[in-house]
Amino acid sequence: MTDFTKTKAMFDIPAGVIYLDGNSLGPLPKDAPVRVANMLKDEWGEMLISGWNKAGWMEQPTRVGNRIASLIGAEENSVVMGDTLSIKVYQAVASALELNPERKVILSDNGNFPTDLYMTGGLIRSLNDGHQLQTVNPEDVEDAIDDTVAVLLLTEIDYRTGRKHDMKRLTEKAHAAGVITIWDLAHSAGALPVKLSECNADFAIGCTYKYLNGGPGSPAFIYVAPRHADKVRPALSGWLGHDAPFAFDLDYKAGRGIERMRVGTPPVIALTVLETALDIWDMADINDVRTKSIELCDLFIKEVEARCPQLTLDTPRDGAGRGSQVSFQFADGYAAMQALIAHGVVGDFRAPDTMRFGFTPLYIDKTDVLAAVDILENILTNSLWDTAEFKTKSAVT
C-alpha cells in the first residue's frame, strides 16, 4: 500500500496553500534543488563536456523514458524523452500517416487540447497532399471510425471536463478498421493506470510537468509500439535520432527502435529534476493513486454540490469515466478562481466558464478537500469574487 502521508512530505508546498492545480503544473519535489545543485557542481562543473559520457547524459532520455514506461504500461525501450509535447504530436502524426499512406483523414474530437489540433493542421498544410482533420464530439468518436480514417488522434482525458476515453475499446475499433492510433497522455500519466501495451496502442505522447511533477517546461515523451519502432520514419530527423550521430554523416540514417524519435540535445538539467520526481513515484502504486483519486474527487463533488449551488458540474460523475480532476461551470468562474487563489486554494480556469480542480493523492488528502470547499463556499456565498481585482485577467489563466 502506498503511504500517502510519506509522499506528501516529499513536496515543497507553501504554508497555507491547498494546491489543486497539479493537473496543470505539479509542485516542487523537496529534493530537486539539492539534486540539481549537485548535478550542476559535480557533473557540469567538474566533468564539463565529459559529463555526456561520465555522467550518462547522452543515455538519460532513454533511461528516464524507461521509468516513464513503467507508469504507462509500455514495453521496455519503447519510450524516449525530449522536446515539447507539441513537437511529439507532430512526430507521432507524421509517422502514423506514413504507415497508412492511402488514407487522408485524421480523426480527433473537439475536446482535444488545441495544440494537438494546431500541430496536426500545420502538418497537413505542409504536406499539401489532401489530408484533412476531422473533429467530432467526444461521444461520437467511436461511430466516426471507419475505413476512410488514417489516424485516430485522441487525448485520453479531456483537459477541460476530465472525461475519459476508453482506450482499449477505441483502439480495438480503430484497428478493426485499419486505423493507426495516437494517444495523448498529458492528463493520464501519473493520474491513472495506463496500459499502452495491453491496449495495443500504436503511438502515445505526453508531458511530464503535470502529475509527474517534472517542473515547468519539463521534457515530453513519445511512445512507439515495438512492432512499428524499426520502420517508422522520423519526420523530424534530428542528429541525435541518427544511427551514428558522432559519425557526422551528411546522409540521415535513422537510429534503432525508439532512439530514432530523438531530435535534439537532451535537456539534462530538466531531466534531472524529473528523475527526482520519479523517485517519489517509486514510492507509489499507481492503482492506489487511482483509488484515492476517485475518493477525493467524489468527496469534492458531493460537498460542492451540497454547499455551492451556483456551480454546475462539468465532469463525469462516475469516477471510472473521468481522470483525476473535477470541473465546475460558473459564469464568473475566472473571478471566482482568482478569489480562491487569493484565499489559498489554487486551481485554474479554462475559457469560457470552467473552474478546474486537480486531485493528486501524492500530496492532497481528505482534509485538504474539505478545507478547500469551506473556502469556496465562503467566496461564493458572500460574493467575494465580485471585485475589479479578481476580474482582471492575467496572461496565464
Protein backbone atom coordinates (compact mmCIF):
# COMPACT_ATOMS: atom_id res chain seq x y z
CA MET A 1 0.00 0.00 0.00
CA THR A 2 1.20 3.50 -0.80
CA ASP A 3 1.97 5.67 2.21
CA PHE A 4 0.48 8.98 1.05
CA THR A 5 1.48 10.73 4.24
CA LYS A 6 5.08 9.95 3.35
CA THR A 7 4.77 11.07 -0.27
CA LYS A 8 3.04 14.31 0.77
CA ALA A 9 6.08 15.15 2.90
CA MET A 10 8.28 14.89 -0.19
CA PHE A 11 6.80 18.02 -1.84
CA ASP A 12 7.52 21.67 -1.12
CA ILE A 13 4.07 23.25 -0.96
CA PRO A 14 3.88 26.75 0.55
CA ALA A 15 2.34 27.04 4.01
CA GLY A 16 -1.33 27.94 3.92
CA VAL A 17 -1.81 26.72 0.35
CA ILE A 18 -4.11 23.91 -0.79
CA TYR A 19 -2.73 23.04 -4.20
CA LEU A 20 -5.42 21.73 -6.56
CA ASP A 21 -3.62 22.55 -9.80
CA GLY A 22 -1.24 19.62 -10.17
CA ASN A 23 -3.15 18.72 -13.31
CA SER A 24 -1.55 21.83 -14.84
CA LEU A 25 1.80 22.08 -13.04
CA GLY A 26 2.95 19.72 -10.31
CA PRO A 27 4.64 21.15 -7.20
CA LEU A 28 8.36 21.11 -6.48
CA PRO A 29 9.84 17.89 -5.08
CA LYS A 30 11.80 18.89 -1.98
CA ASP A 31 14.92 17.04 -3.09
CA ALA A 32 15.04 18.69 -6.52
CA PRO A 33 17.05 21.84 -5.63
CA VAL A 34 19.83 19.84 -3.97
CA ARG A 35 19.78 17.20 -6.70
CA VAL A 36 20.10 19.82 -9.42
CA ALA A 37 22.73 21.79 -7.49
CA ASN A 38 24.81 18.63 -7.18
CA MET A 39 24.38 17.89 -10.86
CA LEU A 40 25.50 21.42 -11.76
CA LYS A 41 28.53 21.35 -9.46
CA ASP A 42 29.66 17.72 -9.58
CA GLU A 43 28.76 16.90 -13.16
CA TRP A 44 28.72 20.04 -15.30
CA GLY A 45 31.12 21.89 -13.02
CA GLU A 46 33.68 19.12 -12.54
CA MET A 47 33.26 17.00 -15.64
CA LEU A 48 32.50 19.74 -18.13
CA ILE A 49 31.85 18.24 -21.56
CA SER A 50 32.94 14.77 -20.42
CA GLY A 51 29.65 14.62 -18.49
CA TRP A 52 28.00 13.39 -21.66
CA ASN A 53 29.92 10.16 -21.16
CA LYS A 54 30.91 10.06 -17.49
CA ALA A 55 27.59 11.22 -16.05
CA GLY A 56 25.43 9.39 -18.58
CA TRP A 57 23.81 12.50 -20.01
CA MET A 58 23.60 11.04 -23.50
CA GLU A 59 21.66 7.98 -22.29
CA GLN A 60 19.41 9.99 -19.97
CA PRO A 61 16.45 10.35 -22.40
CA THR A 62 16.20 6.57 -22.77
CA ARG A 63 16.90 5.85 -19.11
CA VAL A 64 14.18 8.25 -17.97
CA GLY A 65 11.93 7.01 -20.77
CA ASN A 66 12.04 3.53 -19.29
CA ARG A 67 10.96 4.93 -15.92
CA ILE A 68 8.03 6.66 -17.60
CA ALA A 69 7.23 3.44 -19.47
CA SER A 70 6.63 1.66 -16.18
CA LEU A 71 3.93 4.22 -15.33
CA ILE A 72 2.09 4.00 -18.66
CA GLY A 73 2.11 0.26 -19.27
CA ALA A 74 4.69 0.39 -22.03
CA GLU A 75 7.37 -2.08 -23.02
CA GLU A 76 11.00 -1.51 -22.10
CA ASN A 77 12.89 0.71 -24.56
CA SER A 78 9.69 1.95 -26.20
CA VAL A 79 9.64 5.47 -24.68
CA VAL A 80 12.14 8.28 -25.13
CA MET A 81 12.27 11.79 -23.65
CA GLY A 82 12.92 15.16 -25.23
CA ASP A 83 11.47 18.31 -26.74
CA THR A 84 7.95 19.56 -26.00
CA LEU A 85 4.60 17.83 -26.28
CA SER A 86 3.76 19.89 -29.37
CA ILE A 87 6.86 18.53 -31.11
CA LYS A 88 5.94 14.99 -30.10
CA VAL A 89 2.45 15.45 -31.53
CA TYR A 90 3.99 16.46 -34.86
CA GLN A 91 6.36 13.49 -34.82
CA ALA A 92 3.66 10.98 -33.98
CA VAL A 93 1.11 12.22 -36.52
CA ALA A 94 3.67 12.46 -39.32
CA SER A 95 4.97 8.95 -38.69
CA ALA A 96 1.49 7.50 -38.29
CA LEU A 97 0.30 8.97 -41.59
CA GLU A 98 3.19 7.33 -43.39
CA LEU A 99 2.09 3.97 -42.01
CA ASN A 100 -1.31 4.48 -43.65
CA PRO A 101 -0.42 6.27 -46.92
CA GLU A 102 -3.58 5.51 -48.88
CA ARG A 103 -5.85 7.32 -46.41
CA LYS A 104 -6.15 11.06 -45.79
CA VAL A 105 -8.34 11.60 -42.70
CA ILE A 106 -7.03 12.32 -39.19
CA LEU A 107 -9.89 11.86 -36.74
CA SER A 108 -9.97 13.67 -33.39
CA ASP A 109 -12.56 15.22 -31.09
CA ASN A 110 -13.45 18.82 -30.38
CA GLY A 111 -12.49 18.39 -26.73
CA ASN A 112 -8.89 17.66 -27.66
CA PHE A 113 -6.24 20.06 -26.42
CA PRO A 114 -5.82 22.79 -29.04
CA THR A 115 -2.08 22.27 -29.59
CA ASP A 116 -2.74 18.72 -30.83
CA LEU A 117 -5.13 20.14 -33.41
CA TYR A 118 -2.89 23.10 -34.25
CA MET A 119 0.16 20.90 -34.87
CA THR A 120 -1.87 18.48 -36.96
CA GLY A 121 -3.31 21.33 -39.01
CA GLY A 122 0.17 22.75 -39.60
CA LEU A 123 1.46 19.36 -40.71
CA ILE A 124 -1.45 18.97 -43.12
CA ARG A 125 -0.69 22.34 -44.69
CA SER A 126 2.98 21.45 -45.07
CA LEU A 127 2.23 18.07 -46.65
CA ASN A 128 -0.28 19.64 -49.05
CA ASP A 129 -1.43 16.18 -50.08
CA GLY A 130 -5.16 16.20 -49.50
CA HIS A 131 -5.18 15.28 -45.81
CA GLN A 132 -7.97 16.58 -43.62
CA LEU A 133 -8.51 16.88 -39.89
CA GLN A 134 -11.98 15.76 -38.84
CA THR A 135 -13.24 16.59 -35.34
CA VAL A 136 -16.42 15.26 -33.76
CA ASN A 137 -17.96 15.41 -30.31
CA PRO A 138 -16.10 13.14 -27.86
CA GLU A 139 -19.09 10.83 -27.51
CA ASP A 140 -19.29 10.44 -31.29
CA VAL A 141 -15.71 9.32 -31.89
CA GLU A 142 -16.44 5.60 -31.92
CA ASP A 143 -19.16 5.93 -34.57
CA ALA A 144 -16.89 8.12 -36.72
CA ILE A 145 -14.16 5.47 -37.01
CA ASP A 146 -14.32 3.85 -40.44
CA ASP A 147 -12.10 2.70 -43.29
CA THR A 148 -11.56 6.25 -44.58
CA VAL A 149 -9.62 7.23 -41.44
CA ALA A 150 -5.83 7.02 -41.48
CA VAL A 151 -5.08 8.10 -37.91
CA LEU A 152 -7.07 8.43 -34.70
CA LEU A 153 -5.60 11.19 -32.52
CA LEU A 154 -7.14 11.45 -29.06
CA THR A 155 -6.25 12.83 -25.66
CA GLU A 156 -7.35 10.12 -23.22
CA ILE A 157 -8.51 12.62 -20.59
CA ASP A 158 -10.30 15.77 -21.76
CA TYR A 159 -8.31 18.71 -20.41
CA ARG A 160 -11.41 20.80 -19.73
CA THR A 161 -14.03 18.34 -18.43
CA GLY A 162 -11.91 15.40 -17.29
CA ARG A 163 -13.95 12.99 -19.43
CA LYS A 164 -12.09 9.72 -20.07
CA HIS A 165 -11.99 7.91 -23.39
CA ASP A 166 -11.96 4.11 -23.34
CA MET A 167 -8.51 3.47 -24.81
CA LYS A 168 -8.89 -0.26 -25.20
CA ARG A 169 -12.30 -0.17 -26.88
CA LEU A 170 -11.47 2.68 -29.25
CA THR A 171 -8.10 1.18 -30.19
CA GLU A 172 -9.76 -2.14 -30.98
CA LYS A 173 -12.39 -0.39 -33.11
CA ALA A 174 -9.68 1.61 -34.88
CA HIS A 175 -7.52 -1.40 -35.64
CA ALA A 176 -10.52 -3.34 -36.96
CA ALA A 177 -10.97 -0.51 -39.48
CA GLY A 178 -7.24 -0.34 -40.34
CA VAL A 179 -6.65 2.90 -38.40
CA ILE A 180 -3.39 3.86 -36.61
CA THR A 181 -3.88 5.22 -33.08
CA ILE A 182 -2.13 8.06 -31.23
CA TRP A 183 -2.96 8.67 -27.57
CA ASP A 184 -2.07 11.91 -25.81
CA LEU A 185 -1.45 11.07 -22.15
CA ALA A 186 -0.91 14.62 -20.87
CA HIS A 187 -3.67 14.22 -18.28
CA SER A 188 -3.28 10.46 -17.83
CA ALA A 189 0.36 9.76 -16.97
CA GLY A 190 0.58 9.81 -13.18
CA ALA A 191 -3.18 10.23 -12.78
CA LEU A 192 -4.42 6.72 -13.50
CA PRO A 193 -3.17 3.35 -14.72
CA VAL A 194 -2.38 3.46 -18.45
CA LYS A 195 -1.93 0.20 -20.33
CA LEU A 196 -0.45 1.02 -23.70
CA SER A 197 0.89 -2.45 -24.42
CA GLU A 198 -2.23 -4.22 -23.21
CA CYS A 199 -4.42 -1.90 -25.28
CA ASN A 200 -2.19 -2.44 -28.34
CA ALA A 201 -1.76 1.30 -28.89
CA ASP A 202 0.43 2.36 -31.82
CA PHE A 203 1.78 5.70 -30.57
CA ALA A 204 1.49 7.75 -27.39
CA ILE A 205 2.79 11.13 -26.32
CA GLY A 206 2.67 13.11 -23.12
CA CYS A 207 4.13 15.82 -20.93
CA THR A 208 5.83 15.44 -17.54
CA TYR A 209 5.13 18.73 -15.75
CA LYS A 210 1.60 17.87 -14.60
CA TYR A 211 1.01 14.77 -12.46
CA LEU A 212 4.63 13.62 -12.89
CA ASN A 213 5.93 16.83 -11.24
CA GLY A 214 8.89 17.40 -13.55
CA GLY A 215 8.73 21.20 -13.34
CA PRO A 216 7.72 23.98 -15.75
CA GLY A 217 8.66 23.08 -19.30
CA SER A 218 9.98 19.63 -18.38
CA PRO A 219 10.50 17.44 -21.45
CA ALA A 220 7.79 15.43 -23.15
CA PHE A 221 7.87 11.75 -24.08
CA ILE A 222 6.90 9.69 -27.09
CA TYR A 223 5.99 6.00 -27.24
CA VAL A 224 6.17 3.89 -30.36
CA ALA A 225 4.89 0.32 -30.23
CA PRO A 226 7.82 -2.08 -30.76
CA ARG A 227 6.12 -3.53 -33.85
CA HIS A 228 6.50 -0.13 -35.53
CA ALA A 229 9.71 1.14 -33.98
CA ASP A 230 12.15 0.00 -36.65
CA LYS A 231 10.05 1.03 -39.62
CA VAL A 232 8.60 4.43 -38.75
CA ARG A 233 10.30 7.33 -40.48
CA PRO A 234 11.02 10.25 -38.14
CA ALA A 235 9.77 13.35 -39.93
CA LEU A 236 11.95 15.48 -37.65
CA SER A 237 15.25 13.86 -38.47
CA GLY A 238 17.44 15.38 -35.79
CA TRP A 239 21.09 14.47 -35.37
CA LEU A 240 20.51 12.54 -32.14
CA GLY A 241 17.95 10.37 -33.90
CA HIS A 242 20.70 9.30 -36.32
CA ASP A 243 22.06 5.78 -36.04
CA ALA A 244 25.58 7.18 -35.50
CA PRO A 245 25.34 10.87 -34.58
CA PHE A 246 29.04 11.30 -33.99
CA ALA A 247 29.95 9.90 -37.38
CA PHE A 248 28.68 13.26 -38.68
CA ASP A 249 27.41 11.58 -41.83
CA LEU A 250 25.70 14.08 -44.12
CA ASP A 251 23.11 11.47 -45.10
CA TYR A 252 20.49 10.66 -42.45
CA LYS A 253 20.18 7.06 -41.28
CA ALA A 254 17.53 6.51 -38.64
CA GLY A 255 18.61 5.07 -35.31
CA ARG A 256 17.39 1.77 -33.98
CA GLY A 257 13.99 1.47 -32.37
CA ILE A 258 12.75 4.30 -30.22
CA GLU A 259 16.12 6.08 -30.48
CA ARG A 260 15.15 7.35 -33.92
CA MET A 261 12.47 9.53 -32.30
CA ARG A 262 15.12 11.63 -30.56
CA VAL A 263 15.65 15.03 -32.15
CA GLY A 264 18.00 17.47 -30.48
CA THR A 265 20.31 17.75 -27.48
CA PRO A 266 18.79 16.36 -24.26
CA PRO A 267 17.70 18.93 -21.63
CA VAL A 268 19.92 17.46 -18.92
CA ILE A 269 19.04 19.85 -16.09
CA ALA A 270 15.30 19.44 -16.67
CA LEU A 271 15.63 15.66 -16.90
CA THR A 272 17.49 15.67 -13.59
CA VAL A 273 14.54 17.40 -11.92
CA LEU A 274 12.20 14.85 -13.48
CA GLU A 275 14.34 11.98 -12.20
CA THR A 276 13.99 13.41 -8.70
CA ALA A 277 10.21 13.47 -9.08
CA LEU A 278 10.20 9.90 -10.38
CA ASP A 279 11.99 8.82 -7.20
CA ILE A 280 8.79 9.78 -5.36
CA TRP A 281 6.78 7.78 -7.87
CA ASP A 282 8.92 4.77 -6.96
CA MET A 283 7.24 5.00 -3.54
CA ALA A 284 3.74 4.84 -5.02
CA ASP A 285 1.50 2.25 -6.64
CA ILE A 286 -0.49 3.81 -9.49
CA ASN A 287 -3.51 1.65 -8.62
CA ASP A 288 -3.52 3.07 -5.09
CA VAL A 289 -3.23 6.55 -6.58
CA ARG A 290 -6.24 5.90 -8.81
CA THR A 291 -8.38 4.56 -5.95
CA LYS A 292 -7.57 7.51 -3.71
CA SER A 293 -8.06 9.98 -6.57
CA ILE A 294 -11.60 8.75 -7.19
CA GLU A 295 -12.37 9.00 -3.46
CA LEU A 296 -11.10 12.60 -3.25
CA CYS A 297 -12.91 13.68 -6.42
CA ASP A 298 -16.16 12.05 -5.27
CA LEU A 299 -15.90 13.83 -1.93
CA PHE A 300 -15.24 17.18 -3.60
CA ILE A 301 -18.22 16.80 -5.95
CA LYS A 302 -20.53 15.79 -3.09
CA GLU A 303 -19.51 18.70 -0.87
CA VAL A 304 -19.53 21.34 -3.61
CA GLU A 305 -22.94 20.34 -4.91
CA ALA A 306 -24.35 20.39 -1.38
CA ARG A 307 -22.89 23.76 -0.44
CA CYS A 308 -22.31 25.69 -3.67
CA PRO A 309 -25.48 25.51 -5.79
CA GLN A 310 -24.17 28.33 -8.00
CA LEU A 311 -21.82 25.84 -9.70
CA THR A 312 -22.71 23.24 -12.32
CA LEU A 313 -20.74 20.01 -12.56
CA ASP A 314 -18.98 19.62 -15.92
CA THR A 315 -17.16 16.36 -15.17
CA PRO A 316 -18.48 12.78 -15.36
CA ARG A 317 -19.98 11.81 -12.04
CA ASP A 318 -18.82 8.22 -12.38
CA GLY A 319 -15.18 8.01 -11.24
CA ALA A 320 -14.37 5.35 -13.84
CA GLY A 321 -15.35 7.78 -16.57
CA ARG A 322 -13.05 10.65 -15.61
CA GLY A 323 -9.42 11.43 -14.92
CA SER A 324 -8.10 12.98 -11.71
CA GLN A 325 -9.77 16.37 -11.98
CA VAL A 326 -13.15 17.95 -11.34
CA SER A 327 -14.54 20.88 -13.32
CA PHE A 328 -17.45 23.12 -12.49
CA GLN A 329 -19.07 25.75 -14.69
CA PHE A 330 -19.74 29.23 -13.35
CA ALA A 331 -20.42 32.33 -15.42
CA ASP A 332 -17.93 34.33 -13.34
CA GLY A 333 -15.56 31.40 -12.99
CA TYR A 334 -12.41 33.37 -13.71
CA ALA A 335 -13.07 35.90 -10.93
CA ALA A 336 -14.15 33.17 -8.52
CA MET A 337 -10.95 31.25 -9.18
CA GLN A 338 -8.80 34.33 -8.60
CA ALA A 339 -10.59 34.88 -5.30
CA LEU A 340 -9.95 31.26 -4.36
CA ILE A 341 -6.27 31.59 -5.15
CA ALA A 342 -6.09 34.76 -3.06
CA HIS A 343 -7.57 32.77 -0.18
CA GLY A 344 -5.04 29.93 -0.51
CA VAL A 345 -6.82 27.40 -2.74
CA VAL A 346 -5.04 27.09 -6.09
CA GLY A 347 -6.97 25.73 -9.05
CA ASP A 348 -7.26 27.17 -12.54
CA PHE A 349 -9.72 28.45 -15.13
CA ARG A 350 -10.41 27.35 -18.68
CA ALA A 351 -12.44 29.53 -21.01
CA PRO A 352 -15.24 30.21 -21.31
CA ASP A 353 -16.55 29.36 -17.84
CA THR A 354 -14.77 26.35 -16.33
CA MET A 355 -13.26 26.24 -12.85
CA ARG A 356 -10.86 23.30 -12.82
CA PHE A 357 -9.50 21.41 -9.81
CA GLY A 358 -6.89 18.65 -9.85
CA PHE A 359 -6.60 15.97 -7.17
CA THR A 360 -3.23 14.35 -6.73
CA PRO A 361 -3.14 11.88 -3.82
CA LEU A 362 0.66 12.10 -3.61
CA TYR A 363 0.13 15.40 -1.76
CA ILE A 364 -3.64 16.04 -1.45
CA ASP A 365 -5.80 14.36 1.20
CA LYS A 366 -9.36 14.45 2.58
CA THR A 367 -8.55 17.28 4.99
CA ASP A 368 -7.37 19.43 2.08
CA VAL A 369 -10.55 18.72 0.12
CA LEU A 370 -12.88 19.69 2.96
CA ALA A 371 -10.89 22.83 3.76
CA ALA A 372 -10.95 23.86 0.09
CA VAL A 373 -14.73 23.51 -0.08
CA ASP A 374 -15.10 25.59 3.08
CA ILE A 375 -13.22 28.43 1.40
CA LEU A 376 -15.06 28.02 -1.90
CA GLU A 377 -18.43 28.13 -0.13
CA ASN A 378 -17.47 31.33 1.68
CA ILE A 379 -16.32 33.02 -1.54
CA LEU A 380 -19.49 32.15 -3.43
CA THR A 381 -21.97 32.76 -0.62
CA ASN A 382 -20.53 36.19 0.12
CA SER A 383 -19.67 37.10 -3.49
CA LEU A 384 -16.07 37.75 -2.53
CA TRP A 385 -15.11 37.25 -6.16
CA ASP A 386 -17.12 40.28 -7.31
CA THR A 387 -14.31 42.85 -7.43
CA ALA A 388 -12.40 44.50 -10.25
CA GLU A 389 -9.17 42.97 -8.96
CA PHE A 390 -10.36 39.42 -9.48
CA LYS A 391 -11.95 40.15 -12.87
CA THR A 392 -8.76 41.44 -14.47
CA LYS A 393 -7.31 38.59 -16.50
CA SER A 394 -3.63 37.64 -16.40
CA ALA A 395 -1.73 36.17 -19.34
CA VAL A 396 -2.00 32.66 -17.84
CA THR A 397 -5.41 31.64 -16.53
